């Protein structure tokens, strides 16, 4: 059974992950990405535009599906070697949590469900159809 995971990262970092077709969690720690399984879905929530400041965003910024069996490690700099998972992202648009979802965690989870079920079904079905052709 596939799981739905929620990652939290700045929009800037999420867009870099989408461009690179990977997901990375908890500042590149291995344990969180080891929990992911091939076929699991992941949605990213971005509280801000950038990690170091930037304007408040509070939106879901990307969603995708894990494509590999095990994490891999990259050398981003001499002192930073994050663990990642290969991820295929769906075509989607940012979805603000305002004005309907507020700030409550339970409401955020409802928002994730709505984002997946209502905001992306066409893109999801197009991706699935293309992969089966």
C-alpha atoms as a PDB file:
ATOM      1  CA  UNK A   1       0.000   0.000   0.000  1.00  0.00           C
ATOM      2  CA  UNK A   2       1.381   3.412  -0.965  1.00  0.00           C
ATOM      3  CA  UNK A   3       1.567   6.189   1.613  1.00  0.00           C
ATOM      4  CA  UNK A   4       1.109   9.948   1.309  1.00  0.00           C
ATOM      5  CA  UNK A   5       3.896  11.967   2.943  1.00  0.00           C
ATOM      6  CA  UNK A   6       4.129  15.703   3.622  1.00  0.00           C
ATOM      7  CA  UNK A   7       7.450  17.509   3.404  1.00  0.00           C
ATOM      8  CA  UNK A   8       8.047  21.075   4.566  1.00  0.00           C
ATOM      9  CA  UNK A   9      10.535  23.264   2.711  1.00  0.00           C
ATOM     10  CA  UNK A  10      10.839  26.741   1.281  1.00  0.00           C
ATOM     11  CA  UNK A  11       9.409  27.170  -2.210  1.00  0.00           C
ATOM     12  CA  UNK A  12      12.934  27.900  -3.469  1.00  0.00           C
ATOM     13  CA  UNK A  13      14.143  24.500  -2.229  1.00  0.00           C
ATOM     14  CA  UNK A  14      11.049  22.695  -3.488  1.00  0.00           C
ATOM     15  CA  UNK A  15      11.522  24.106  -6.994  1.00  0.00           C
ATOM     16  CA  UNK A  16      15.163  22.973  -6.963  1.00  0.00           C
ATOM     17  CA  UNK A  17      13.991  19.470  -6.034  1.00  0.00           C
ATOM     18  CA  UNK A  18      11.399  19.476  -8.814  1.00  0.00           C
ATOM     19  CA  UNK A  19      14.041  20.570 -11.361  1.00  0.00           C
ATOM     20  CA  UNK A  20      16.393  17.857 -10.093  1.00  0.00           C
ATOM     21  CA  UNK A  21      13.682  15.159  -9.870  1.00  0.00           C
ATOM     22  CA  UNK A  22      14.464  14.318  -6.231  1.00  0.00           C
ATOM     23  CA  UNK A  23      13.024  14.783  -2.766  1.00  0.00           C
ATOM     24  CA  UNK A  24      15.032  15.532   0.328  1.00  0.00           C
ATOM     25  CA  UNK A  25      13.696  15.771   3.884  1.00  0.00           C
ATOM     26  CA  UNK A  26      14.837  17.167   7.230  1.00  0.00           C
ATOM     27  CA  UNK A  27      17.891  18.976   5.831  1.00  0.00           C
ATOM     28  CA  UNK A  28      19.112  15.890   3.997  1.00  0.00           C
ATOM     29  CA  UNK A  29      19.060  13.400   6.873  1.00  0.00           C
ATOM     30  CA  UNK A  30      18.955   9.744   5.846  1.00  0.00           C
ATOM     31  CA  UNK A  31      16.264   8.419   8.216  1.00  0.00           C
ATOM     32  CA  UNK A  32      13.284  10.338   6.799  1.00  0.00           C
ATOM     33  CA  UNK A  33      13.941   9.348   3.177  1.00  0.00           C
ATOM     34  CA  UNK A  34      14.576   5.725   4.192  1.00  0.00           C
ATOM     35  CA  UNK A  35      10.945   5.575   5.346  1.00  0.00           C
ATOM     36  CA  UNK A  36       9.708   6.365   1.841  1.00  0.00           C
ATOM     37  CA  UNK A  37       8.888   3.468  -0.460  1.00  0.00           C
ATOM     38  CA  UNK A  38       8.744   3.318  -4.220  1.00  0.00           C
ATOM     39  CA  UNK A  39       5.266   4.409  -5.289  1.00  0.00           C
ATOM     40  CA  UNK A  40       4.620   6.574  -2.212  1.00  0.00           C
ATOM     41  CA  UNK A  41       3.334  10.094  -2.873  1.00  0.00           C
ATOM     42  CA  UNK A  42       4.813  13.224  -1.358  1.00  0.00           C
ATOM     43  CA  UNK A  43       3.348  16.716  -1.123  1.00  0.00           C
ATOM     44  CA  UNK A  44       5.460  19.721  -0.178  1.00  0.00           C
ATOM     45  CA  UNK A  45       4.143  22.555   1.957  1.00  0.00           C
ATOM     46  CA  UNK A  46       6.134  25.797   1.792  1.00  0.00           C
ATOM     47  CA  UNK A  47       5.674  28.248   4.651  1.00  0.00           C
ATOM     48  CA  UNK A  48       8.002  30.801   2.986  1.00  0.00           C
ATOM     49  CA  UNK A  49       9.445  31.683  -0.409  1.00  0.00           C
ATOM     50  CA  UNK A  50      13.064  31.225   0.761  1.00  0.00           C
ATOM     51  CA  UNK A  51      14.710  29.434   3.673  1.00  0.00           C
ATOM     52  CA  UNK A  52      16.482  32.573   4.890  1.00  0.00           C
ATOM     53  CA  UNK A  53      13.630  35.053   4.855  1.00  0.00           C
ATOM     54  CA  UNK A  54      11.510  35.944   1.920  1.00  0.00           C
ATOM     55  CA  UNK A  55       7.818  36.555   2.068  1.00  0.00           C
ATOM     56  CA  UNK A  56       5.359  34.270   3.794  1.00  0.00           C
ATOM     57  CA  UNK A  57       3.793  31.850   1.320  1.00  0.00           C
ATOM     58  CA  UNK A  58       1.865  29.145   3.244  1.00  0.00           C
ATOM     59  CA  UNK A  59       1.042  27.014   0.214  1.00  0.00           C
ATOM     60  CA  UNK A  60       1.387  23.514  -1.152  1.00  0.00           C
ATOM     61  CA  UNK A  61       4.034  23.893  -3.850  1.00  0.00           C
ATOM     62  CA  UNK A  62       4.640  20.450  -5.371  1.00  0.00           C
ATOM     63  CA  UNK A  63       3.538  16.845  -5.307  1.00  0.00           C
ATOM     64  CA  UNK A  64       5.100  13.750  -6.750  1.00  0.00           C
ATOM     65  CA  UNK A  65       5.752  10.045  -6.507  1.00  0.00           C
ATOM     66  CA  UNK A  66       8.881   8.250  -5.278  1.00  0.00           C
ATOM     67  CA  UNK A  67      10.527   6.370  -8.155  1.00  0.00           C
ATOM     68  CA  UNK A  68      13.356   4.380  -6.553  1.00  0.00           C
ATOM     69  CA  UNK A  69      13.859   1.627  -3.979  1.00  0.00           C
ATOM     70  CA  UNK A  70      16.592   3.169  -1.802  1.00  0.00           C
ATOM     71  CA  UNK A  71      17.998   6.602  -0.927  1.00  0.00           C
ATOM     72  CA  UNK A  72      21.127   7.934  -2.570  1.00  0.00           C
ATOM     73  CA  UNK A  73      23.608  10.487  -1.276  1.00  0.00           C
ATOM     74  CA  UNK A  74      25.043  13.476  -3.144  1.00  0.00           C
ATOM     75  CA  UNK A  75      27.860  15.865  -2.361  1.00  0.00           C
ATOM     76  CA  UNK A  76      26.302  19.296  -2.505  1.00  0.00           C
ATOM     77  CA  UNK A  77      29.326  20.886  -0.825  1.00  0.00           C
ATOM     78  CA  UNK A  78      32.355  19.753   1.162  1.00  0.00           C
ATOM     79  CA  UNK A  79      30.351  19.779   4.397  1.00  0.00           C
ATOM     80  CA  UNK A  80      26.890  18.901   3.096  1.00  0.00           C
ATOM     81  CA  UNK A  81      26.061  15.448   1.696  1.00  0.00           C
ATOM     82  CA  UNK A  82      22.260  15.064   1.754  1.00  0.00           C
ATOM     83  CA  UNK A  83      20.312  11.869   1.189  1.00  0.00           C
ATOM     84  CA  UNK A  84      17.641  11.956  -1.509  1.00  0.00           C
ATOM     85  CA  UNK A  85      15.063   9.887  -3.348  1.00  0.00           C
ATOM     86  CA  UNK A  86      14.366   9.976  -7.068  1.00  0.00           C
ATOM     87  CA  UNK A  87      10.938  11.592  -7.457  1.00  0.00           C
ATOM     88  CA  UNK A  88       8.659  12.234 -10.414  1.00  0.00           C
ATOM     89  CA  UNK A  89       6.634  15.394  -9.865  1.00  0.00           C
ATOM     90  CA  UNK A  90       3.133  16.012 -11.181  1.00  0.00           C
ATOM     91  CA  UNK A  91       2.303  19.165 -13.116  1.00  0.00           C
ATOM     92  CA  UNK A  92       0.625  21.412 -10.570  1.00  0.00           C
ATOM     93  CA  UNK A  93       0.251  24.978  -9.348  1.00  0.00           C
ATOM     94  CA  UNK A  94       0.839  26.427  -5.900  1.00  0.00           C
ATOM     95  CA  UNK A  95      -2.221  26.053  -3.674  1.00  0.00           C
ATOM     96  CA  UNK A  96      -2.480  28.534  -0.816  1.00  0.00           C
ATOM     97  CA  UNK A  97      -3.866  27.319   2.494  1.00  0.00           C
ATOM     98  CA  UNK A  98      -5.730  30.657   2.830  1.00  0.00           C
ATOM     99  CA  UNK A  99      -8.446  31.702   3.242  1.00  0.00           C
ATOM    100  CA  UNK A 100     -10.159  28.353   3.729  1.00  0.00           C
ATOM    101  CA  UNK A 101      -7.722  26.128   5.580  1.00  0.00           C
ATOM    102  CA  UNK A 102      -6.251  28.340   8.278  1.00  0.00           C
ATOM    103  CA  UNK A 103      -3.338  27.233  10.450  1.00  0.00           C
ATOM    104  CA  UNK A 104      -4.592  24.129  12.271  1.00  0.00           C
ATOM    105  CA  UNK A 105      -2.616  20.915  11.542  1.00  0.00           C
ATOM    106  CA  UNK A 106      -5.775  18.826  11.059  1.00  0.00           C
ATOM    107  CA  UNK A 107      -7.062  21.390   8.598  1.00  0.00           C
ATOM    108  CA  UNK A 108      -3.701  21.325   6.812  1.00  0.00           C
ATOM    109  CA  UNK A 109      -4.060  17.569   6.313  1.00  0.00           C
ATOM    110  CA  UNK A 110      -7.538  18.132   4.911  1.00  0.00           C
ATOM    111  CA  UNK A 111      -5.946  20.685   2.595  1.00  0.00           C
ATOM    112  CA  UNK A 112      -3.360  18.163   1.427  1.00  0.00           C
ATOM    113  CA  UNK A 113      -6.136  15.724   0.610  1.00  0.00           C
ATOM    114  CA  UNK A 114      -8.050  18.380  -1.316  1.00  0.00           C
ATOM    115  CA  UNK A 115      -4.879  19.405  -3.157  1.00  0.00           C
ATOM    116  CA  UNK A 116      -4.278  15.824  -4.250  1.00  0.00           C
ATOM    117  CA  UNK A 117      -7.874  14.849  -4.950  1.00  0.00           C
ATOM    118  CA  UNK A 118      -9.259  18.096  -6.362  1.00  0.00           C
ATOM    119  CA  UNK A 119      -6.288  20.148  -7.471  1.00  0.00           C
ATOM    120  CA  UNK A 120      -4.297  17.607  -9.424  1.00  0.00           C
ATOM    121  CA  UNK A 121      -6.417  14.759 -10.761  1.00  0.00           C
ATOM    122  CA  UNK A 122      -6.148  15.799 -14.395  1.00  0.00           C
ATOM    123  CA  UNK A 123      -2.359  16.116 -14.242  1.00  0.00           C
ATOM    124  CA  UNK A 124      -2.148  12.853 -12.315  1.00  0.00           C
ATOM    125  CA  UNK A 125      -4.272  10.973 -14.833  1.00  0.00           C
ATOM    126  CA  UNK A 126      -2.318  12.467 -17.764  1.00  0.00           C
ATOM    127  CA  UNK A 127       0.957  11.316 -16.156  1.00  0.00           C
ATOM    128  CA  UNK A 128      -0.399   7.819 -15.519  1.00  0.00           C
ATOM    129  CA  UNK A 129      -1.829   7.537 -19.036  1.00  0.00           C
ATOM    130  CA  UNK A 130       1.454   8.695 -20.574  1.00  0.00           C
ATOM    131  CA  UNK A 131       3.466   6.214 -18.519  1.00  0.00           C
ATOM    132  CA  UNK A 132       1.239   3.317 -19.669  1.00  0.00           C
ATOM    133  CA  UNK A 133       1.307   4.244 -23.370  1.00  0.00           C
END
